[in-house]
Amino acid sequence: MCKCLAGNIACCCCSCAISMLVSIISTFLVVIIVVGLAVYFIYYYEQEDEVTKLTNKVTDSVQSSFDKIKDALSR
């Protein structure tokens, strides 16, 4: 069992040091993911709606162009 005290800054055994290091790294990863998601939803999520609208317009215009070509060829 580890004899390190909770108040110590430096760890006295390897397993305690590794577990503390993994804990710090996982905390930073969680913070980075949460901040990244917040930035995405604040700055880019609304712009995705504009991209979706533009994509739908382009898709509709391409379909209408193909329909016109199809009608012209079928005559």
PDB file of N, CA and C in Angstrom:
ATOM      1  N   MET A   1       0.839  -1.174   0.000  1.00  0.00           N
ATOM      2  CA  MET A   1       0.000   0.000   0.000  1.00  0.00           C
ATOM      3  C   MET A   1       0.888   1.242   0.000  1.00  0.00           C
ATOM      4  N   CYS A   2       0.428   2.305  -0.618  1.00  0.00           N
ATOM      5  CA  CYS A   2       1.205   3.530  -0.744  1.00  0.00           C
ATOM      6  C   CYS A   2       1.231   4.273   0.587  1.00  0.00           C
ATOM      7  N   LYS A   3       2.424   4.734   0.964  1.00  0.00           N
ATOM      8  CA  LYS A   3       2.572   5.463   2.219  1.00  0.00           C
ATOM      9  C   LYS A   3       2.598   6.971   1.993  1.00  0.00           C
ATOM     10  N   CYS A   4       2.326   7.402   0.770  1.00  0.00           N
ATOM     11  CA  CYS A   4       2.328   8.833   0.470  1.00  0.00           C
ATOM     12  C   CYS A   4       1.136   9.494   1.140  1.00  0.00           C
ATOM     13  N   LEU A   5       1.362  10.656   1.679  1.00  0.00           N
ATOM     14  CA  LEU A   5       0.274  11.396   2.300  1.00  0.00           C
ATOM     15  C   LEU A   5      -0.429  12.240   1.241  1.00  0.00           C
ATOM     16  N   ALA A   6      -1.687  12.546   1.477  1.00  0.00           N
ATOM     17  CA  ALA A   6      -2.466  13.302   0.500  1.00  0.00           C
ATOM     18  C   ALA A   6      -1.972  14.732   0.363  1.00  0.00           C
ATOM     19  N   GLY A   7      -1.351  15.272   1.389  1.00  0.00           N
ATOM     20  CA  GLY A   7      -0.903  16.658   1.356  1.00  0.00           C
ATOM     21  C   GLY A   7       0.439  16.864   0.688  1.00  0.00           C
ATOM     22  N   ASN A   8       1.143  15.816   0.363  1.00  0.00           N
ATOM     23  CA  ASN A   8       2.462  15.945  -0.255  1.00  0.00           C
ATOM     24  C   ASN A   8       2.344  16.416  -1.697  1.00  0.00           C
ATOM     25  N   ILE A   9       3.277  17.261  -2.087  1.00  0.00           N
ATOM     26  CA  ILE A   9       3.306  17.715  -3.476  1.00  0.00           C
ATOM     27  C   ILE A   9       3.992  16.673  -4.347  1.00  0.00           C
ATOM     28  N   ALA A  10       5.088  16.112  -3.850  1.00  0.00           N
ATOM     29  CA  ALA A  10       5.827  15.102  -4.596  1.00  0.00           C
ATOM     30  C   ALA A  10       5.418  13.711  -4.124  1.00  0.00           C
ATOM     31  N   CYS A  11       5.307  12.787  -5.059  1.00  0.00           N
ATOM     32  CA  CYS A  11       4.943  11.415  -4.714  1.00  0.00           C
ATOM     33  C   CYS A  11       6.192  10.647  -4.300  1.00  0.00           C
ATOM     34  N   CYS A  12       6.003   9.657  -3.446  1.00  0.00           N
ATOM     35  CA  CYS A  12       7.151   8.889  -2.971  1.00  0.00           C
ATOM     36  C   CYS A  12       7.235   7.514  -3.616  1.00  0.00           C
ATOM     37  N   CYS A  13       6.258   7.142  -4.432  1.00  0.00           N
ATOM     38  CA  CYS A  13       6.335   5.849  -5.104  1.00  0.00           C
ATOM     39  C   CYS A  13       5.918   6.001  -6.563  1.00  0.00           C
ATOM     40  N   CYS A  14       6.321   5.058  -7.369  1.00  0.00           N
ATOM     41  CA  CYS A  14       6.097   5.132  -8.815  1.00  0.00           C
ATOM     42  C   CYS A  14       4.616   5.005  -9.163  1.00  0.00           C
ATOM     43  N   SER A  15       3.910   4.087  -8.527  1.00  0.00           N
ATOM     44  CA  SER A  15       2.494   3.891  -8.869  1.00  0.00           C
ATOM     45  C   SER A  15       1.662   5.115  -8.506  1.00  0.00           C
ATOM     46  N   CYS A  16       2.001   5.759  -7.403  1.00  0.00           N
ATOM     47  CA  CYS A  16       1.282   6.975  -7.021  1.00  0.00           C
ATOM     48  C   CYS A  16       1.576   8.098  -8.014  1.00  0.00           C
ATOM     49  N   ALA A  17       2.823   8.210  -8.439  1.00  0.00           N
ATOM     50  CA  ALA A  17       3.199   9.245  -9.405  1.00  0.00           C
ATOM     51  C   ALA A  17       2.509   9.017 -10.742  1.00  0.00           C
ATOM     52  N   ILE A  18       2.444   7.773 -11.178  1.00  0.00           N
ATOM     53  CA  ILE A  18       1.792   7.464 -12.453  1.00  0.00           C
ATOM     54  C   ILE A  18       0.298   7.747 -12.376  1.00  0.00           C
ATOM     55  N   SER A  19      -0.336   7.357 -11.284  1.00  0.00           N
ATOM     56  CA  SER A  19      -1.774   7.611 -11.162  1.00  0.00           C
ATOM     57  C   SER A  19      -2.059   9.103 -11.098  1.00  0.00           C
ATOM     58  N   MET A  20      -1.185   9.880 -10.442  1.00  0.00           N
ATOM     59  CA  MET A  20      -1.375  11.325 -10.389  1.00  0.00           C
ATOM     60  C   MET A  20      -1.181  11.933 -11.772  1.00  0.00           C
ATOM     61  N   LEU A  21      -0.199  11.462 -12.509  1.00  0.00           N
ATOM     62  CA  LEU A  21       0.059  11.965 -13.854  1.00  0.00           C
ATOM     63  C   LEU A  21      -1.101  11.646 -14.796  1.00  0.00           C
ATOM     64  N   VAL A  22      -1.620  10.444 -14.724  1.00  0.00           N
ATOM     65  CA  VAL A  22      -2.767  10.058 -15.552  1.00  0.00           C
ATOM     66  C   VAL A  22      -3.989  10.891 -15.185  1.00  0.00           C
ATOM     67  N   SER A  23      -4.167  11.160 -13.918  1.00  0.00           N
ATOM     68  CA  SER A  23      -5.288  11.982 -13.472  1.00  0.00           C
ATOM     69  C   SER A  23      -5.183  13.400 -14.020  1.00  0.00           C
ATOM     70  N   ILE A  24      -3.998  13.974 -13.980  1.00  0.00           N
ATOM     71  CA  ILE A  24      -3.803  15.332 -14.498  1.00  0.00           C
ATOM     72  C   ILE A  24      -4.016  15.371 -16.003  1.00  0.00           C
ATOM     73  N   ILE A  25      -3.485  14.400 -16.727  1.00  0.00           N
ATOM     74  CA  ILE A  25      -3.642  14.358 -18.185  1.00  0.00           C
ATOM     75  C   ILE A  25      -5.106  14.186 -18.570  1.00  0.00           C
ATOM     76  N   SER A  26      -5.819  13.303 -17.887  1.00  0.00           N
ATOM     77  CA  SER A  26      -7.231  13.093 -18.221  1.00  0.00           C
ATOM     78  C   SER A  26      -8.060  14.328 -17.891  1.00  0.00           C
ATOM     79  N   THR A  27      -7.704  15.039 -16.828  1.00  0.00           N
ATOM     80  CA  THR A  27      -8.416  16.276 -16.502  1.00  0.00           C
ATOM     81  C   THR A  27      -8.216  17.313 -17.597  1.00  0.00           C
ATOM     82  N   PHE A  28      -6.983  17.466 -18.071  1.00  0.00           N
ATOM     83  CA  PHE A  28      -6.727  18.413 -19.152  1.00  0.00           C
ATOM     84  C   PHE A  28      -7.454  18.006 -20.429  1.00  0.00           C
ATOM     85  N   LEU A  29      -7.513  16.727 -20.736  1.00  0.00           N
ATOM     86  CA  LEU A  29      -8.237  16.278 -21.926  1.00  0.00           C
ATOM     87  C   LEU A  29      -9.720  16.598 -21.830  1.00  0.00           C
ATOM     88  N   VAL A  30     -10.304  16.371 -20.672  1.00  0.00           N
ATOM     89  CA  VAL A  30     -11.728  16.672 -20.492  1.00  0.00           C
ATOM     90  C   VAL A  30     -11.975  18.165 -20.639  1.00  0.00           C
ATOM     91  N   VAL A  31     -11.107  18.984 -20.063  1.00  0.00           N
ATOM     92  CA  VAL A  31     -11.265  20.435 -20.179  1.00  0.00           C
ATOM     93  C   VAL A  31     -11.129  20.875 -21.630  1.00  0.00           C
ATOM     94  N   ILE A  32     -10.160  20.327 -22.353  1.00  0.00           N
ATOM     95  CA  ILE A  32      -9.974  20.689 -23.761  1.00  0.00           C
ATOM     96  C   ILE A  32     -11.187  20.279 -24.590  1.00  0.00           C
ATOM     97  N   ILE A  33     -11.747  19.107 -24.332  1.00  0.00           N
ATOM     98  CA  ILE A  33     -12.920  18.651 -25.081  1.00  0.00           C
ATOM     99  C   ILE A  33     -14.123  19.535 -24.786  1.00  0.00           C
ATOM    100  N   VAL A  34     -14.330  19.875 -23.527  1.00  0.00           N
ATOM    101  CA  VAL A  34     -15.473  20.722 -23.164  1.00  0.00           C
ATOM    102  C   VAL A  34     -15.324  22.109 -23.777  1.00  0.00           C
ATOM    103  N   VAL A  35     -14.132  22.684 -23.710  1.00  0.00           N
ATOM    104  CA  VAL A  35     -13.911  24.005 -24.306  1.00  0.00           C
ATOM    105  C   VAL A  35     -14.062  23.935 -25.823  1.00  0.00           C
ATOM    106  N   GLY A  36     -13.578  22.870 -26.439  1.00  0.00           N
ATOM    107  CA  GLY A  36     -13.727  22.715 -27.882  1.00  0.00           C
ATOM    108  C   GLY A  36     -15.181  22.616 -28.309  1.00  0.00           C
ATOM    109  N   LEU A  37     -15.963  21.850 -27.570  1.00  0.00           N
ATOM    110  CA  LEU A  37     -17.392  21.756 -27.888  1.00  0.00           C
ATOM    111  C   LEU A  37     -18.095  23.088 -27.685  1.00  0.00           C
ATOM    112  N   ALA A  38     -17.737  23.808 -26.633  1.00  0.00           N
ATOM    113  CA  ALA A  38     -18.345  25.118 -26.394  1.00  0.00           C
ATOM    114  C   ALA A  38     -18.013  26.081 -27.523  1.00  0.00           C
ATOM    115  N   VAL A  39     -16.762  26.102 -27.959  1.00  0.00           N
ATOM    116  CA  VAL A  39     -16.364  26.983 -29.060  1.00  0.00           C
ATOM    117  C   VAL A  39     -17.083  26.590 -30.338  1.00  0.00           C
ATOM    118  N   TYR A  40     -17.213  25.297 -30.598  1.00  0.00           N
ATOM    119  CA  TYR A  40     -17.910  24.844 -31.804  1.00  0.00           C
ATOM    120  C   TYR A  40     -19.360  25.313 -31.801  1.00  0.00           C
ATOM    121  N   PHE A  41     -20.058  25.096 -30.696  1.00  0.00           N
ATOM    122  CA  PHE A  41     -21.470  25.453 -30.672  1.00  0.00           C
ATOM    123  C   PHE A  41     -21.683  26.957 -30.615  1.00  0.00           C
ATOM    124  N   ILE A  42     -20.735  27.715 -30.080  1.00  0.00           N
ATOM    125  CA  ILE A  42     -20.901  29.168 -30.027  1.00  0.00           C
ATOM    126  C   ILE A  42     -20.608  29.803 -31.382  1.00  0.00           C
ATOM    127  N   TYR A  43     -19.526  29.386 -32.041  1.00  0.00           N
ATOM    128  CA  TYR A  43     -19.090  30.075 -33.252  1.00  0.00           C
ATOM    129  C   TYR A  43     -19.488  29.399 -34.554  1.00  0.00           C
ATOM    130  N   TYR A  44     -19.550  28.077 -34.599  1.00  0.00           N
ATOM    131  CA  TYR A  44     -19.714  27.395 -35.876  1.00  0.00           C
ATOM    132  C   TYR A  44     -21.066  26.737 -36.072  1.00  0.00           C
ATOM    133  N   TYR A  45     -21.840  26.509 -35.045  1.00  0.00           N
ATOM    134  CA  TYR A  45     -23.088  25.765 -35.197  1.00  0.00           C
ATOM    135  C   TYR A  45     -24.102  26.549 -36.004  1.00  0.00           C
ATOM    136  N   GLU A  46     -24.188  27.863 -35.807  1.00  0.00           N
ATOM    137  CA  GLU A  46     -25.142  28.662 -36.569  1.00  0.00           C
ATOM    138  C   GLU A  46     -24.734  28.754 -38.033  1.00  0.00           C
ATOM    139  N   GLN A  47     -23.446  28.789 -38.302  1.00  0.00           N
ATOM    140  CA  GLN A  47     -22.986  28.844 -39.682  1.00  0.00           C
ATOM    141  C   GLN A  47     -23.302  27.556 -40.418  1.00  0.00           C
ATOM    142  N   GLU A  48     -23.444  26.469 -39.699  1.00  0.00           N
ATOM    143  CA  GLU A  48     -23.785  25.204 -40.342  1.00  0.00           C
ATOM    144  C   GLU A  48     -25.182  25.279 -40.948  1.00  0.00           C
ATOM    145  N   ASP A  49     -26.083  26.040 -40.316  1.00  0.00           N
ATOM    146  CA  ASP A  49     -27.412  26.208 -40.881  1.00  0.00           C
ATOM    147  C   ASP A  49     -27.341  26.914 -42.230  1.00  0.00           C
ATOM    148  N   GLU A  50     -26.480  27.922 -42.348  1.00  0.00           N
ATOM    149  CA  GLU A  50     -26.319  28.622 -43.615  1.00  0.00           C
ATOM    150  C   GLU A  50     -25.736  27.691 -44.676  1.00  0.00           C
ATOM    151  N   VAL A  51     -24.803  26.863 -44.277  1.00  0.00           N
ATOM    152  CA  VAL A  51     -24.210  25.904 -45.215  1.00  0.00           C
ATOM    153  C   VAL A  51     -25.257  24.899 -45.666  1.00  0.00           C
ATOM    154  N   THR A  52     -26.101  24.456 -44.751  1.00  0.00           N
ATOM    155  CA  THR A  52     -27.161  23.511 -45.102  1.00  0.00           C
ATOM    156  C   THR A  52     -28.142  24.147 -46.077  1.00  0.00           C
ATOM    157  N   LYS A  53     -28.498  25.406 -45.851  1.00  0.00           N
ATOM    158  CA  LYS A  53     -29.403  26.099 -46.772  1.00  0.00           C
ATOM    159  C   LYS A  53     -28.772  26.228 -48.156  1.00  0.00           C
ATOM    160  N   LEU A  54     -27.490  26.593 -48.187  1.00  0.00           N
ATOM    161  CA  LEU A  54     -26.797  26.732 -49.462  1.00  0.00           C
ATOM    162  C   LEU A  54     -26.694  25.392 -50.178  1.00  0.00           C
ATOM    163  N   THR A  55     -26.425  24.336 -49.430  1.00  0.00           N
ATOM    164  CA  THR A  55     -26.343  23.002 -50.019  1.00  0.00           C
ATOM    165  C   THR A  55     -27.687  22.586 -50.599  1.00  0.00           C
ATOM    166  N   ASN A  56     -28.760  22.875 -49.895  1.00  0.00           N
ATOM    167  CA  ASN A  56     -30.093  22.543 -50.408  1.00  0.00           C
ATOM    168  C   ASN A  56     -30.404  23.328 -51.678  1.00  0.00           C
ATOM    169  N   LYS A  57     -30.011  24.604 -51.731  1.00  0.00           N
ATOM    170  CA  LYS A  57     -30.248  25.402 -52.938  1.00  0.00           C
ATOM    171  C   LYS A  57     -29.466  24.842 -54.121  1.00  0.00           C
ATOM    172  N   VAL A  58     -28.212  24.493 -53.887  1.00  0.00           N
ATOM    173  CA  VAL A  58     -27.385  23.945 -54.963  1.00  0.00           C
ATOM    174  C   VAL A  58     -27.949  22.614 -55.433  1.00  0.00           C
ATOM    175  N   THR A  59     -28.380  21.777 -54.493  1.00  0.00           N
ATOM    176  CA  THR A  59     -28.960  20.481 -54.851  1.00  0.00           C
ATOM    177  C   THR A  59     -30.228  20.665 -55.676  1.00  0.00           C
ATOM    178  N   ASP A  60     -31.073  21.607 -55.277  1.00  0.00           N
ATOM    179  CA  ASP A  60     -32.299  21.860 -56.033  1.00  0.00           C
ATOM    180  C   ASP A  60     -31.996  22.388 -57.431  1.00  0.00           C
ATOM    181  N   SER A  61     -31.012  23.273 -57.544  1.00  0.00           N
ATOM    182  CA  SER A  61     -30.689  23.812 -58.866  1.00  0.00           C
ATOM    183  C   SER A  61     -30.082  22.746 -59.770  1.00  0.00           C
ATOM    184  N   VAL A  62     -29.264  21.873 -59.203  1.00  0.00           N
ATOM    185  CA  VAL A  62     -28.689  20.784 -60.002  1.00  0.00           C
ATOM    186  C   VAL A  62     -29.784  19.826 -60.451  1.00  0.00           C
ATOM    187  N   GLN A  63     -30.718  19.509 -59.564  1.00  0.00           N
ATOM    188  CA  GLN A  63     -31.822  18.620 -59.936  1.00  0.00           C
ATOM    189  C   GLN A  63     -32.696  19.252 -61.010  1.00  0.00           C
ATOM    190  N   SER A  64     -32.963  20.550 -60.891  1.00  0.00           N
ATOM    191  CA  SER A  64     -33.782  21.198 -61.919  1.00  0.00           C
ATOM    192  C   SER A  64     -33.038  21.249 -63.251  1.00  0.00           C
ATOM    193  N   SER A  65     -31.730  21.423 -63.209  1.00  0.00           N
ATOM    194  CA  SER A  65     -30.946  21.415 -64.453  1.00  0.00           C
ATOM    195  C   SER A  65     -30.987  20.043 -65.106  1.00  0.00           C
ATOM    196  N   PHE A  66     -30.849  18.992 -64.309  1.00  0.00           N
ATOM    197  CA  PHE A  66     -30.947  17.646 -64.866  1.00  0.00           C
ATOM    198  C   PHE A  66     -32.341  17.375 -65.412  1.00  0.00           C
ATOM    199  N   ASP A  67     -33.359  17.885 -64.745  1.00  0.00           N
ATOM    200  CA  ASP A  67     -34.722  17.703 -65.244  1.00  0.00           C
ATOM    201  C   ASP A  67     -34.916  18.425 -66.576  1.00  0.00           C
ATOM    202  N   LYS A  68     -34.352  19.626 -66.705  1.00  0.00           N
ATOM    203  CA  LYS A  68     -34.460  20.360 -67.966  1.00  0.00           C
ATOM    204  C   LYS A  68     -33.743  19.618 -69.093  1.00  0.00           C
ATOM    205  N   ILE A  69     -32.553  19.112 -68.795  1.00  0.00           N
ATOM    206  CA  ILE A  69     -31.800  18.354 -69.801  1.00  0.00           C
ATOM    207  C   ILE A  69     -32.545  17.081 -70.171  1.00  0.00           C
ATOM    208  N   LYS A  70     -33.113  16.422 -69.196  1.00  0.00           N
ATOM    209  CA  LYS A  70     -33.869  15.193 -69.437  1.00  0.00           C
ATOM    210  C   LYS A  70     -35.097  15.471 -70.298  1.00  0.00           C
ATOM    211  N   ASP A  71     -35.794  16.576 -70.011  1.00  0.00           N
ATOM    212  CA  ASP A  71     -36.960  16.936 -70.819  1.00  0.00           C
ATOM    213  C   ASP A  71     -36.550  17.301 -72.246  1.00  0.00           C
ATOM    214  N   ALA A  72     -35.424  17.992 -72.388  1.00  0.00           N
ATOM    215  CA  ALA A  72     -34.963  18.381 -73.718  1.00  0.00           C
ATOM    216  C   ALA A  72     -34.552  17.157 -74.529  1.00  0.00           C
ATOM    217  N   LEU A  73     -33.946  16.180 -73.893  1.00  0.00           N
ATOM    218  CA  LEU A  73     -33.533  14.975 -74.605  1.00  0.00           C
ATOM    219  C   LEU A  73     -34.706  14.056 -74.920  1.00  0.00           C
ATOM    220  N   SER A  74     -35.738  14.110 -74.132  1.00  0.00           N
ATOM    221  CA  SER A  74     -36.877  13.216 -74.367  1.00  0.00           C
ATOM    222  C   SER A  74     -37.795  13.731 -75.470  1.00  0.00           C
ATOM    223  N   ARG A  75     -37.629  14.960 -75.908  1.00  0.00           N
ATOM    224  CA  ARG A  75     -38.479  15.510 -76.976  1.00  0.00           C
ATOM    225  C   ARG A  75     -38.094  15.014 -78.305  1.00  0.00           C
TER     226      ARG A  75
END
